[in-house]
């Protein structure tokens, strides 16, 4: 026991334990340095640092976690566990300042996004500039003045000019679509959080997608346990995510013999509500799993590569997560995990 106490005092992660009445049992040096709360004897003293932090801690279920920005220097990641000792129920909290890690990840995300933006813009602008130059040469060299003093162009040069202008038009439209997709990604609305039942949501999605899925001979199966499951979230945004995932699943199942997509909801082992979309399509190779949530990354021949990035961003705004697992050639599972 003494060894355990010494070890807890020397680790860099802040550790606090408190009993069912809120009385502090253990608080290590890292927690004291991190939280800077004088006379810290009761968990409710967390309110001296942040009332929002105290509220989140008191509502946190065993096995749960959350992150919260306290001030410009402190962004806490908090995790909870419960244990019983000498007949008394205790809660164990760990605290970490993840500010530097967030800044590093944010910088990497912006670098990746800038790289993609540069790539996409150059892919469109380079051929447009080249074509414009070629068309200028055609106009300069092939336009002749006829006997009536009018400027004329032979048929072959006219066709070259027409095809070039059409290509420029298509490339320009592609660039506009790309800019619109970027705008959508950076203008995601804040979710309006309300408690809503999942069953009507599933029924509405089934009705909306019935015709589209039946054309591809795909059946949408809904499973819900418990049947009266409720979720705190923005129902419209969650529906948008699920429809996008189901449509992705449909496209992935083009050659599949198992023509079913499962829409499933329940509660996980940490008492967190979840919704899953399970398709039996071609799957996602391991090296692509880490990239599919990066804005504008796509494995499709057509598509902006923005849907999954927006979906994960929406779940982040819900303080939840969007996770994926896949067995290539068998199935892909997307899981929306709620707080």
Protein backbone atom coordinates (compact mmCIF):
# COMPACT_ATOMS: atom_id res chain seq x y z
CA UNK A 1 0.00 0.00 0.00
CA UNK A 2 2.88 2.35 0.88
CA UNK A 3 4.52 1.54 -2.48
CA UNK A 4 1.26 2.40 -4.27
CA UNK A 5 1.00 5.75 -2.44
CA UNK A 6 4.62 6.60 -3.32
CA UNK A 7 4.03 5.67 -6.97
CA UNK A 8 0.86 7.79 -7.19
CA UNK A 9 2.72 10.78 -5.75
CA UNK A 10 5.48 10.50 -8.36
CA UNK A 11 3.51 10.08 -11.59
CA UNK A 12 2.92 13.08 -13.87
CA UNK A 13 -0.83 12.51 -14.18
CA UNK A 14 -3.02 14.27 -11.62
CA UNK A 15 -4.85 11.75 -9.41
CA UNK A 16 -7.73 12.44 -7.01
CA UNK A 17 -9.98 10.00 -5.16
CA UNK A 18 -13.11 10.95 -3.24
CA UNK A 19 -15.84 9.09 -1.36
CA UNK A 20 -19.61 9.14 -1.85
CA UNK A 21 -19.87 12.30 0.28
CA UNK A 22 -17.21 14.13 -1.73
CA UNK A 23 -14.42 13.92 0.82
CA UNK A 24 -10.96 13.74 -0.77
CA UNK A 25 -9.03 10.57 0.04
CA UNK A 26 -5.93 10.88 -2.13
CA UNK A 27 -4.60 13.82 -4.12
CA UNK A 28 -1.12 13.62 -5.61
CA UNK A 29 1.40 16.37 -6.28
CA UNK A 30 0.61 16.51 -10.01
CA UNK A 31 -3.09 17.22 -9.29
CA UNK A 32 -2.19 19.98 -6.80
CA UNK A 33 0.19 21.60 -9.29
CA UNK A 34 -2.28 21.28 -12.15
CA UNK A 35 -5.41 22.54 -10.38
CA UNK A 36 -3.82 25.08 -8.00
CA UNK A 37 -6.71 24.88 -5.50
CA UNK A 38 -5.75 25.82 -1.92
CA UNK A 39 -7.26 23.81 0.96
CA UNK A 40 -8.49 21.11 -1.44
CA UNK A 41 -10.32 18.74 0.93
CA UNK A 42 -13.65 18.15 -0.81
CA UNK A 43 -14.42 17.44 -4.48
CA UNK A 44 -16.81 20.42 -4.48
CA UNK A 45 -13.73 22.66 -4.06
CA UNK A 46 -13.23 22.07 -7.82
CA UNK A 47 -15.89 24.76 -8.21
CA UNK A 48 -13.29 27.31 -7.09
CA UNK A 49 -11.42 26.60 -10.33
CA UNK A 50 -14.46 26.13 -12.58
CA UNK A 51 -18.13 25.53 -11.83
CA UNK A 52 -18.52 23.88 -15.24
CA UNK A 53 -15.65 21.50 -14.42
CA UNK A 54 -17.30 20.53 -11.11
CA UNK A 55 -20.62 19.90 -12.83
CA UNK A 56 -19.03 17.67 -15.47
CA UNK A 57 -17.07 15.72 -12.83
CA UNK A 58 -20.17 15.10 -10.69
CA UNK A 59 -22.12 13.92 -13.76
CA UNK A 60 -19.28 11.73 -15.05
CA UNK A 61 -20.04 8.02 -15.04
CA UNK A 62 -17.41 5.38 -14.14
CA UNK A 63 -15.29 4.64 -17.20
CA UNK A 64 -16.27 7.93 -18.79
CA UNK A 65 -14.10 10.85 -19.81
CA UNK A 66 -14.33 14.41 -21.08
CA UNK A 67 -12.08 17.30 -22.00
CA UNK A 68 -12.62 20.94 -21.09
CA UNK A 69 -10.81 24.21 -21.65
CA UNK A 70 -10.41 25.94 -18.27
CA UNK A 71 -8.28 28.92 -19.32
CA UNK A 72 -5.66 29.88 -21.90
CA UNK A 73 -3.05 27.67 -20.22
CA UNK A 74 -5.17 24.75 -19.07
CA UNK A 75 -7.16 22.30 -21.20
CA UNK A 76 -8.00 19.27 -19.06
CA UNK A 77 -8.70 15.71 -20.07
CA UNK A 78 -10.51 13.97 -17.19
CA UNK A 79 -11.13 10.24 -16.80
CA UNK A 80 -13.15 8.46 -14.12
CA UNK A 81 -13.12 5.04 -12.47
CA UNK A 82 -14.87 3.62 -9.41
CA UNK A 83 -13.74 1.13 -6.78
CA UNK A 84 -14.76 -0.20 -3.39
CA UNK A 85 -12.46 -0.24 -0.37
CA UNK A 86 -13.39 -1.34 3.15
CA UNK A 87 -17.08 -1.21 2.26
CA UNK A 88 -16.85 2.39 1.02
CA UNK A 89 -17.51 3.46 -2.60
CA UNK A 90 -14.78 5.64 -4.09
CA UNK A 91 -14.35 7.56 -7.33
CA UNK A 92 -10.91 7.91 -8.88
CA UNK A 93 -10.22 10.81 -11.24
CA UNK A 94 -7.20 11.38 -13.45
CA UNK A 95 -6.35 14.84 -14.83
CA UNK A 96 -4.03 15.73 -17.71
CA UNK A 97 -3.31 19.08 -19.32
CA UNK A 98 -3.59 18.32 -23.05
CA UNK A 99 -3.09 21.90 -24.29
CA UNK A 100 0.28 21.23 -25.95
CA UNK A 101 -1.01 17.99 -27.51
CA UNK A 102 -4.08 19.80 -28.87
CA UNK A 103 -1.89 22.56 -30.33
CA UNK A 104 0.35 19.94 -31.96
CA UNK A 105 -2.66 18.07 -33.41
CA UNK A 106 -4.25 21.33 -34.56
CA UNK A 107 -1.04 22.36 -36.33
CA UNK A 108 -0.77 18.94 -38.01
CA UNK A 109 -4.44 19.14 -39.06
CA UNK A 110 -3.95 22.59 -40.61
CA UNK A 111 -0.76 21.44 -42.37
CA UNK A 112 -2.63 18.45 -43.82
CA UNK A 113 -5.56 20.63 -44.83
CA UNK A 114 -3.25 23.20 -46.47
CA UNK A 115 -1.51 20.40 -48.37
CA UNK A 116 -4.86 19.11 -49.65
CA UNK A 117 -6.05 22.61 -50.57
CA UNK A 118 -2.85 23.32 -52.49
CA UNK A 119 -3.07 19.96 -54.27
CA UNK A 120 -6.72 20.38 -55.29
CA UNK A 121 -6.34 24.00 -56.42
CA UNK A 122 -3.19 23.27 -58.43
CA UNK A 123 -4.88 20.22 -60.01
CA UNK A 124 -7.57 22.54 -61.36
CA UNK A 125 -5.62 25.71 -62.08
CA UNK A 126 -2.60 24.17 -63.88
CA UNK A 127 -4.61 22.63 -66.77
CA UNK A 128 -6.84 25.73 -66.93
CA UNK A 129 -3.79 28.00 -67.33
CA UNK A 130 -2.24 25.64 -69.90
CA UNK A 131 -5.47 25.40 -71.90
CA UNK A 132 -6.01 29.16 -71.80
CA UNK A 133 -2.51 29.63 -73.23
CA UNK A 134 -3.15 27.07 -75.99
CA UNK A 135 -6.48 28.66 -76.91
CA UNK A 136 -4.78 32.05 -77.06
CA UNK A 137 -2.28 30.63 -79.59
CA UNK A 138 -5.16 29.22 -81.68
CA UNK A 139 -6.85 32.63 -81.77
CA UNK A 140 -3.57 34.33 -82.59
CA UNK A 141 -2.41 31.99 -85.36
CA UNK A 142 -5.55 30.42 -86.87
CA UNK A 143 -7.98 33.34 -87.04
CA UNK A 144 -7.87 34.77 -90.59
CA UNK A 145 -9.60 37.66 -92.28
CA UNK A 146 -11.85 36.59 -95.16
CA UNK A 147 -12.62 38.49 -98.36
CA UNK A 148 -15.45 40.39 -96.64
CA UNK A 149 -13.06 41.66 -93.99
CA UNK A 150 -14.55 39.39 -91.30
CA UNK A 151 -12.49 37.32 -88.88
CA UNK A 152 -12.95 33.58 -89.54
CA UNK A 153 -11.74 30.30 -88.07
CA UNK A 154 -11.44 26.96 -89.84
CA UNK A 155 -13.55 24.02 -88.58
CA UNK A 156 -10.68 22.09 -86.94
CA UNK A 157 -9.48 25.12 -84.99
CA UNK A 158 -13.08 25.92 -84.02
CA UNK A 159 -13.52 22.38 -82.61
CA UNK A 160 -10.25 22.67 -80.67
CA UNK A 161 -11.39 26.01 -79.27
CA UNK A 162 -14.82 24.63 -78.34
CA UNK A 163 -13.40 21.55 -76.59
CA UNK A 164 -10.87 23.67 -74.72
CA UNK A 165 -13.52 26.09 -73.46
CA UNK A 166 -15.73 23.16 -72.36
CA UNK A 167 -12.81 21.65 -70.42
CA UNK A 168 -12.10 24.99 -68.73
CA UNK A 169 -15.80 25.24 -67.82
CA UNK A 170 -15.80 21.74 -66.25
CA UNK A 171 -12.56 22.35 -64.35
CA UNK A 172 -13.87 25.69 -63.07
CA UNK A 173 -17.08 24.05 -61.87
CA UNK A 174 -15.02 21.38 -60.13
CA UNK A 175 -13.05 24.09 -58.33
CA UNK A 176 -16.29 25.83 -57.30
CA UNK A 177 -17.62 22.53 -55.93
CA UNK A 178 -14.39 22.05 -54.00
CA UNK A 179 -14.59 25.56 -52.49
CA UNK A 180 -18.24 24.95 -51.55
CA UNK A 181 -17.26 21.67 -49.86
CA UNK A 182 -14.55 23.52 -47.91
CA UNK A 183 -17.12 26.14 -46.88
CA UNK A 184 -19.47 23.39 -45.66
CA UNK A 185 -16.67 21.87 -43.59
CA UNK A 186 -15.73 25.16 -41.93
CA UNK A 187 -19.35 26.31 -41.32
CA UNK A 188 -20.81 23.39 -39.37
CA UNK A 189 -23.60 24.76 -37.13
CA UNK A 190 -23.47 24.33 -33.37
CA UNK A 191 -25.77 21.41 -32.46
CA UNK A 192 -29.01 22.20 -30.64
CA UNK A 193 -28.94 19.52 -27.97
CA UNK A 194 -32.26 17.98 -26.92
CA UNK A 195 -33.37 14.62 -25.59
CA UNK A 196 -35.00 12.63 -28.39
CA UNK A 197 -36.17 9.01 -28.83
CA UNK A 198 -34.18 6.93 -31.32
CA UNK A 199 -37.08 4.79 -32.59
CA UNK A 200 -38.88 7.57 -34.55
CA UNK A 201 -35.50 8.66 -35.95
CA UNK A 202 -34.88 5.15 -37.33
CA UNK A 203 -38.42 4.99 -38.76
CA UNK A 204 -37.95 8.35 -40.49
CA UNK A 205 -34.62 7.27 -42.02
CA UNK A 206 -36.20 4.02 -43.23
CA UNK A 207 -38.97 5.95 -45.02
CA UNK A 208 -36.55 8.50 -46.52
CA UNK A 209 -34.19 5.86 -47.94
CA UNK A 210 -36.67 3.11 -48.82
CA UNK A 211 -36.94 3.93 -52.54
CA UNK A 212 -33.21 4.63 -52.99
CA UNK A 213 -32.15 1.38 -51.29
CA UNK A 214 -34.79 -0.75 -53.02
CA UNK A 215 -33.40 0.32 -56.42
CA UNK A 216 -30.12 -1.32 -55.37
CA UNK A 217 -31.94 -4.32 -53.88
CA UNK A 218 -30.67 -3.45 -50.39
CA UNK A 219 -32.68 -3.99 -47.21
CA UNK A 220 -32.26 -1.68 -44.21
CA UNK A 221 -32.64 -3.57 -40.92
CA UNK A 222 -33.18 -1.59 -37.71
CA UNK A 223 -32.32 -2.94 -34.25
CA UNK A 224 -32.95 -0.99 -31.06
CA UNK A 225 -32.27 -2.05 -27.47
CA UNK A 226 -33.89 -0.85 -25.30
CA UNK A 227 -36.81 0.05 -27.55
CA UNK A 228 -37.36 3.34 -25.70
CA UNK A 229 -33.70 4.43 -25.97
CA UNK A 230 -33.21 8.19 -25.86
CA UNK A 231 -30.19 10.26 -26.86
CA UNK A 232 -29.11 13.82 -26.12
CA UNK A 233 -28.19 15.46 -29.40
CA UNK A 234 -29.26 17.44 -32.44
CA UNK A 235 -31.67 15.08 -34.18
CA UNK A 236 -31.36 16.74 -37.60
CA UNK A 237 -27.55 16.60 -37.58
CA UNK A 238 -27.51 12.99 -36.34
CA UNK A 239 -29.98 12.02 -39.07
CA UNK A 240 -27.71 13.68 -41.65
CA UNK A 241 -24.73 11.62 -40.43
CA UNK A 242 -26.67 8.34 -40.51
CA UNK A 243 -28.08 8.96 -44.00
CA UNK A 244 -24.57 9.75 -45.27
CA UNK A 245 -23.17 6.56 -43.70
CA UNK A 246 -25.99 4.40 -45.10
CA UNK A 247 -25.51 5.84 -48.59
CA UNK A 248 -21.76 5.19 -48.32
CA UNK A 249 -22.57 1.62 -47.32
CA UNK A 250 -24.88 1.22 -50.30
CA UNK A 251 -22.13 2.34 -52.69
CA UNK A 252 -19.64 -0.04 -51.04
CA UNK A 253 -22.04 -2.99 -51.53
CA UNK A 254 -22.19 -2.83 -55.31
CA UNK A 255 -20.74 -6.34 -55.71
CA UNK A 256 -21.83 -7.78 -52.35
CA UNK A 257 -24.06 -10.86 -52.08
CA UNK A 258 -25.26 -9.87 -48.58
CA UNK A 259 -27.69 -7.07 -49.47
CA UNK A 260 -28.43 -5.80 -45.95
CA UNK A 261 -27.39 -2.71 -44.01
CA UNK A 262 -27.92 -2.83 -40.24
CA UNK A 263 -28.87 0.33 -38.34
CA UNK A 264 -28.37 -0.54 -34.68
CA UNK A 265 -28.65 1.40 -31.41
CA UNK A 266 -28.00 0.49 -27.80
CA UNK A 267 -25.95 1.23 -24.68
CA UNK A 268 -22.31 0.16 -24.34
CA UNK A 269 -20.47 -1.26 -21.30
CA UNK A 270 -19.71 2.28 -20.10
CA UNK A 271 -23.44 3.19 -20.14
CA UNK A 272 -22.96 5.39 -23.22
CA UNK A 273 -25.64 5.37 -25.94
CA UNK A 274 -24.41 4.43 -29.40
CA UNK A 275 -25.72 4.08 -32.95
CA UNK A 276 -24.03 1.83 -35.51
CA UNK A 277 -24.27 1.54 -39.28
CA UNK A 278 -23.02 -1.86 -40.45
CA UNK A 279 -22.65 -2.66 -44.14
CA UNK A 280 -21.39 -5.80 -45.87
CA UNK A 281 -19.49 -4.11 -48.67
CA UNK A 282 -15.91 -4.21 -49.86
CA UNK A 283 -14.56 -2.84 -46.56
CA UNK A 284 -11.74 -0.38 -45.89
CA UNK A 285 -8.08 -1.40 -45.98
CA UNK A 286 -6.14 -0.72 -42.73
CA UNK A 287 -3.91 1.98 -44.26
CA UNK A 288 -7.00 3.98 -45.31
CA UNK A 289 -8.78 3.76 -41.93
CA UNK A 290 -6.62 6.55 -40.48
CA UNK A 291 -7.22 8.81 -43.48
CA UNK A 292 -10.95 8.57 -44.17
CA UNK A 293 -11.80 11.34 -41.68
CA UNK A 294 -9.25 13.75 -43.20
CA UNK A 295 -11.08 16.49 -45.15
CA UNK A 296 -11.15 15.87 -48.93
CA UNK A 297 -9.60 12.40 -48.69
CA UNK A 298 -11.67 9.93 -50.71
CA UNK A 299 -11.31 6.49 -52.26
CA UNK A 300 -14.30 7.07 -54.55
CA UNK A 301 -14.11 7.97 -58.23
CA UNK A 302 -16.54 10.79 -57.55
CA UNK A 303 -17.26 12.68 -54.35
CA UNK A 304 -15.78 15.55 -52.37
CA UNK A 305 -14.29 13.49 -49.54
CA UNK A 306 -15.97 15.80 -47.05
CA UNK A 307 -18.89 13.73 -45.68
CA UNK A 308 -17.00 11.69 -43.08
CA UNK A 309 -14.92 14.68 -41.98
CA UNK A 310 -18.10 16.69 -41.37
CA UNK A 311 -19.73 13.72 -39.61
CA UNK A 312 -16.85 13.32 -37.16
CA UNK A 313 -16.76 17.08 -36.58
CA UNK A 314 -20.48 17.02 -35.72
CA UNK A 315 -19.92 14.19 -33.24
CA UNK A 316 -17.01 16.12 -31.69
CA UNK A 317 -19.39 19.06 -31.19
CA UNK A 318 -21.69 16.60 -29.38
CA UNK A 319 -18.69 15.73 -27.14
CA UNK A 320 -19.00 12.24 -28.59
CA UNK A 321 -17.08 10.40 -31.26
CA UNK A 322 -17.41 8.69 -34.63
CA UNK A 323 -15.42 5.45 -34.78
CA UNK A 324 -14.83 2.94 -37.56
CA UNK A 325 -13.72 -0.67 -37.83
CA UNK A 326 -13.57 -2.77 -40.97
CA UNK A 327 -12.81 -6.26 -42.22
CA UNK A 328 -12.00 -5.91 -45.94
CA UNK A 329 -14.33 -8.04 -48.03
CA UNK A 330 -16.73 -8.67 -45.12
CA UNK A 331 -18.10 -5.61 -43.32
CA UNK A 332 -17.55 -2.06 -42.13
CA UNK A 333 -18.92 -0.71 -38.84
CA UNK A 334 -19.32 3.01 -38.15
CA UNK A 335 -20.20 3.77 -34.52
CA UNK A 336 -21.58 7.06 -33.19
CA UNK A 337 -20.73 7.17 -29.48
CA UNK A 338 -22.66 9.68 -27.38
CA UNK A 339 -21.81 11.18 -24.03
